[in-house]
Amino acid sequence: MIYLVLTDTGTMFTRMIKSITRQPYNHASIAFDAELTEVYSFGRKTARNPFIGGFVREDLRSILFMQADCAVYALTVTPDEYKKMHRYIQGVAAQKERYRYNFIGLFGVMVQRPIQRKHAFFCSQFVASVLREGKVMDSGKDPSLVEPGELPHSANFQMMFEGRVKDYRTSVLDDRIHVTAI
């Protein structure tokens, strides 16, 4: 299984994007475990500065995310698909200093013109590229035009949870443990 995590952190940058997109969630991440400890995206590298961005392994237990609203989706994938996606991310992680946040690409989304830059992604572009690498993305849309809200529809994702990030563990994981124990 892989997991798609859409969030609204409520930051000034997120509110600005939200005023344009009119979508409830404006940040996308991909996770490789149900506990959401192995979560990757493109976003801010430091909590205080949204303009210094790039590849990040996100800590959903950080202050930034704990108060965030989220939707978590799950997708069953084959071991081969999982490996391809994980390998792609590990390749980016190994060269993370070369990668930047694709701010210019966000304008491309607004005017529906792909703006692709070498070694640069915005969050949903990165997640769409990972899904495409694993050959699980159904959409023929260029990853540089994919918005976070479109990602659940790009493959057969099933919603697992919607609410506050801080409530995810008790709501979903504890219920799964309880059901498994019965």
Protein backbone atom coordinates (compact mmCIF):
# COMPACT_ATOMS: atom_id res chain seq x y z
CA MET A 1 0.00 0.00 0.00
CA ILE A 2 0.96 3.58 -0.58
CA TYR A 3 -0.74 6.61 0.92
CA LEU A 4 -1.63 10.01 -0.45
CA VAL A 5 -1.76 12.76 2.16
CA LEU A 6 -3.46 16.04 1.29
CA THR A 7 -3.13 18.83 3.85
CA ASP A 8 -4.12 22.37 4.67
CA THR A 9 -1.63 23.76 7.17
CA GLY A 10 -3.35 27.13 7.41
CA THR A 11 -0.13 29.06 6.77
CA MET A 12 -0.15 32.38 4.93
CA PHE A 13 1.28 30.69 1.81
CA THR A 14 -1.41 28.00 1.94
CA ARG A 15 -4.16 30.58 2.42
CA MET A 16 -2.86 32.47 -0.63
CA ILE A 17 -2.92 29.32 -2.77
CA LYS A 18 -6.33 28.36 -1.38
CA SER A 19 -7.77 31.75 -2.39
CA ILE A 20 -6.82 30.92 -5.98
CA THR A 21 -7.66 27.19 -6.14
CA ARG A 22 -10.76 27.22 -3.92
CA GLN A 23 -9.78 23.68 -2.86
CA PRO A 24 -9.83 22.40 0.74
CA TYR A 25 -6.30 20.95 0.54
CA ASN A 26 -3.36 22.53 -1.23
CA HIS A 27 -0.41 20.37 -0.25
CA ALA A 28 0.23 16.79 -1.39
CA SER A 29 2.61 14.18 0.00
CA ILE A 30 3.18 10.50 -0.59
CA ALA A 31 3.73 7.99 2.20
CA PHE A 32 4.91 4.40 2.22
CA ASP A 33 3.52 3.30 5.57
CA ALA A 34 0.13 3.50 7.30
CA GLU A 35 1.69 5.21 10.32
CA LEU A 36 2.73 8.09 8.02
CA THR A 37 6.31 8.11 9.25
CA GLU A 38 7.85 7.79 5.77
CA VAL A 39 6.27 10.80 4.02
CA TYR A 40 7.82 12.69 1.09
CA SER A 41 7.01 15.82 -0.84
CA PHE A 42 8.32 19.12 -2.10
CA GLY A 43 7.74 21.95 0.27
CA ARG A 44 9.36 24.26 2.76
CA LYS A 45 12.70 23.15 4.13
CA THR A 46 12.33 25.32 7.21
CA ALA A 47 9.11 25.94 9.13
CA ARG A 48 9.54 29.71 9.17
CA ASN A 49 10.32 30.38 5.51
CA PRO A 50 8.00 29.12 2.74
CA PHE A 51 10.33 30.45 0.03
CA ILE A 52 13.18 28.07 0.79
CA GLY A 53 11.78 24.87 -0.58
CA GLY A 54 12.78 21.59 -2.11
CA PHE A 55 12.62 17.86 -1.51
CA VAL A 56 11.56 17.06 2.06
CA ARG A 57 10.88 14.06 4.21
CA GLU A 58 7.98 15.42 6.20
CA ASP A 59 7.39 14.98 9.90
CA LEU A 60 3.64 14.95 10.36
CA ARG A 61 4.20 15.20 14.11
CA SER A 62 5.75 18.67 13.74
CA ILE A 63 3.91 21.76 14.93
CA LEU A 64 3.26 22.78 11.31
CA PHE A 65 1.32 19.61 10.57
CA MET A 66 -0.23 18.67 13.92
CA GLN A 67 -2.80 21.46 13.62
CA ALA A 68 -3.34 20.85 9.89
CA ASP A 69 -6.48 19.47 8.34
CA CYS A 70 -5.89 16.47 6.10
CA ALA A 71 -7.33 13.77 3.92
CA VAL A 72 -5.48 10.45 3.76
CA TYR A 73 -6.03 8.05 0.87
CA ALA A 74 -4.72 4.52 0.37
CA LEU A 75 -3.88 2.67 -2.82
CA THR A 76 -3.05 -1.00 -3.13
CA VAL A 77 -0.05 -1.46 -5.42
CA THR A 78 1.99 -4.44 -6.54
CA PRO A 79 5.42 -5.05 -5.00
CA ASP A 80 7.00 -4.02 -8.32
CA GLU A 81 5.05 -0.74 -8.45
CA TYR A 82 5.96 -0.04 -4.82
CA LYS A 83 9.67 -0.66 -5.53
CA LYS A 84 9.69 1.58 -8.61
CA MET A 85 8.11 4.48 -6.71
CA HIS A 86 10.29 4.02 -3.64
CA ARG A 87 13.44 3.74 -5.78
CA TYR A 88 12.50 6.95 -7.64
CA ILE A 89 12.12 8.82 -4.34
CA GLN A 90 15.39 7.42 -2.99
CA GLY A 91 17.12 8.67 -6.15
CA VAL A 92 15.77 12.17 -5.55
CA ALA A 93 16.69 11.96 -1.85
CA ALA A 94 20.26 10.96 -2.72
CA GLN A 95 20.63 14.19 -4.72
CA LYS A 96 18.25 16.40 -2.73
CA GLU A 97 20.63 19.37 -2.72
CA ARG A 98 20.20 19.61 -6.51
CA TYR A 99 16.41 19.91 -6.27
CA ARG A 100 14.40 23.11 -5.81
CA TYR A 101 10.78 24.03 -5.34
CA ASN A 102 9.14 24.84 -8.70
CA PHE A 103 7.49 28.18 -7.82
CA ILE A 104 7.38 29.13 -11.52
CA GLY A 105 5.52 25.89 -12.24
CA LEU A 106 2.65 27.05 -10.01
CA PHE A 107 1.98 29.85 -12.50
CA GLY A 108 1.89 27.25 -15.26
CA VAL A 109 -0.91 25.47 -13.43
CA MET A 110 -2.85 28.73 -13.19
CA VAL A 111 -2.66 29.31 -16.97
CA GLN A 112 -2.77 25.58 -17.86
CA ARG A 113 0.65 25.63 -19.56
CA PRO A 114 3.29 23.16 -18.38
CA ILE A 115 6.39 24.83 -16.98
CA GLN A 116 8.90 22.10 -16.36
CA ARG A 117 12.26 22.83 -14.84
CA LYS A 118 15.10 20.40 -14.39
CA HIS A 119 15.45 19.31 -10.77
CA ALA A 120 12.41 21.30 -9.64
CA PHE A 121 8.96 20.22 -8.49
CA PHE A 122 6.01 21.57 -6.58
CA CYS A 123 4.26 19.13 -4.25
CA SER A 124 1.55 17.67 -6.50
CA GLN A 125 3.88 17.63 -9.50
CA PHE A 126 6.29 15.50 -7.48
CA VAL A 127 3.59 13.11 -6.23
CA ALA A 128 2.17 12.77 -9.76
CA SER A 129 5.69 12.05 -11.07
CA VAL A 130 6.17 9.34 -8.43
CA LEU A 131 2.81 7.77 -9.32
CA ARG A 132 3.67 7.91 -13.01
CA GLU A 133 7.06 6.28 -12.31
CA GLY A 134 5.25 3.41 -10.60
CA LYS A 135 2.83 3.24 -13.53
CA VAL A 136 -0.18 3.58 -11.20
CA MET A 137 -1.40 6.98 -12.40
CA ASP A 138 -4.35 6.73 -14.79
CA SER A 139 -4.34 10.39 -15.83
CA GLY A 140 -2.68 11.35 -19.08
CA LYS A 141 -2.22 14.85 -17.69
CA ASP A 142 1.30 16.25 -17.51
CA PRO A 143 2.49 16.07 -13.86
CA SER A 144 3.41 19.77 -14.02
CA LEU A 145 -0.31 20.58 -14.36
CA VAL A 146 -1.68 18.28 -11.65
CA GLU A 147 -3.24 19.97 -8.62
CA PRO A 148 -3.38 18.24 -5.21
CA GLY A 149 -7.15 17.71 -5.37
CA GLU A 150 -6.82 15.80 -8.64
CA LEU A 151 -4.43 13.19 -7.25
CA PRO A 152 -7.03 10.94 -5.56
CA HIS A 153 -8.75 10.62 -8.94
CA SER A 154 -5.52 9.86 -10.84
CA ALA A 155 -5.60 6.27 -9.58
CA ASN A 156 -8.02 4.14 -7.59
CA PHE A 157 -7.27 5.80 -4.22
CA GLN A 158 -9.68 5.10 -1.36
CA MET A 159 -10.21 7.68 1.37
CA MET A 160 -9.16 6.38 4.79
CA PHE A 161 -9.43 9.48 6.93
CA GLU A 162 -10.40 13.13 6.88
CA GLY A 163 -9.81 15.45 9.82
CA ARG A 164 -6.91 16.84 11.83
CA VAL A 165 -3.49 15.27 11.34
CA LYS A 166 -3.17 14.95 15.12
CA ASP A 167 -6.32 12.79 15.19
CA TYR A 168 -5.22 10.42 12.41
CA ARG A 169 -3.39 7.99 14.68
CA THR A 170 -6.21 7.50 17.16
CA SER A 171 -8.93 7.49 14.55
CA VAL A 172 -7.42 5.15 11.95
CA LEU A 173 -4.48 3.26 13.38
CA ASP A 174 -5.98 2.46 16.77
CA ASP A 175 -9.18 1.26 15.06
CA ARG A 176 -7.11 -1.01 12.78
CA ILE A 177 -5.21 -2.45 15.73
CA HIS A 178 -8.49 -3.02 17.60
CA VAL A 179 -10.10 -4.76 14.61
CA THR A 180 -7.02 -6.92 14.04
CA ALA A 181 -6.95 -7.98 17.71
CA ILE A 182 -10.59 -9.18 17.67
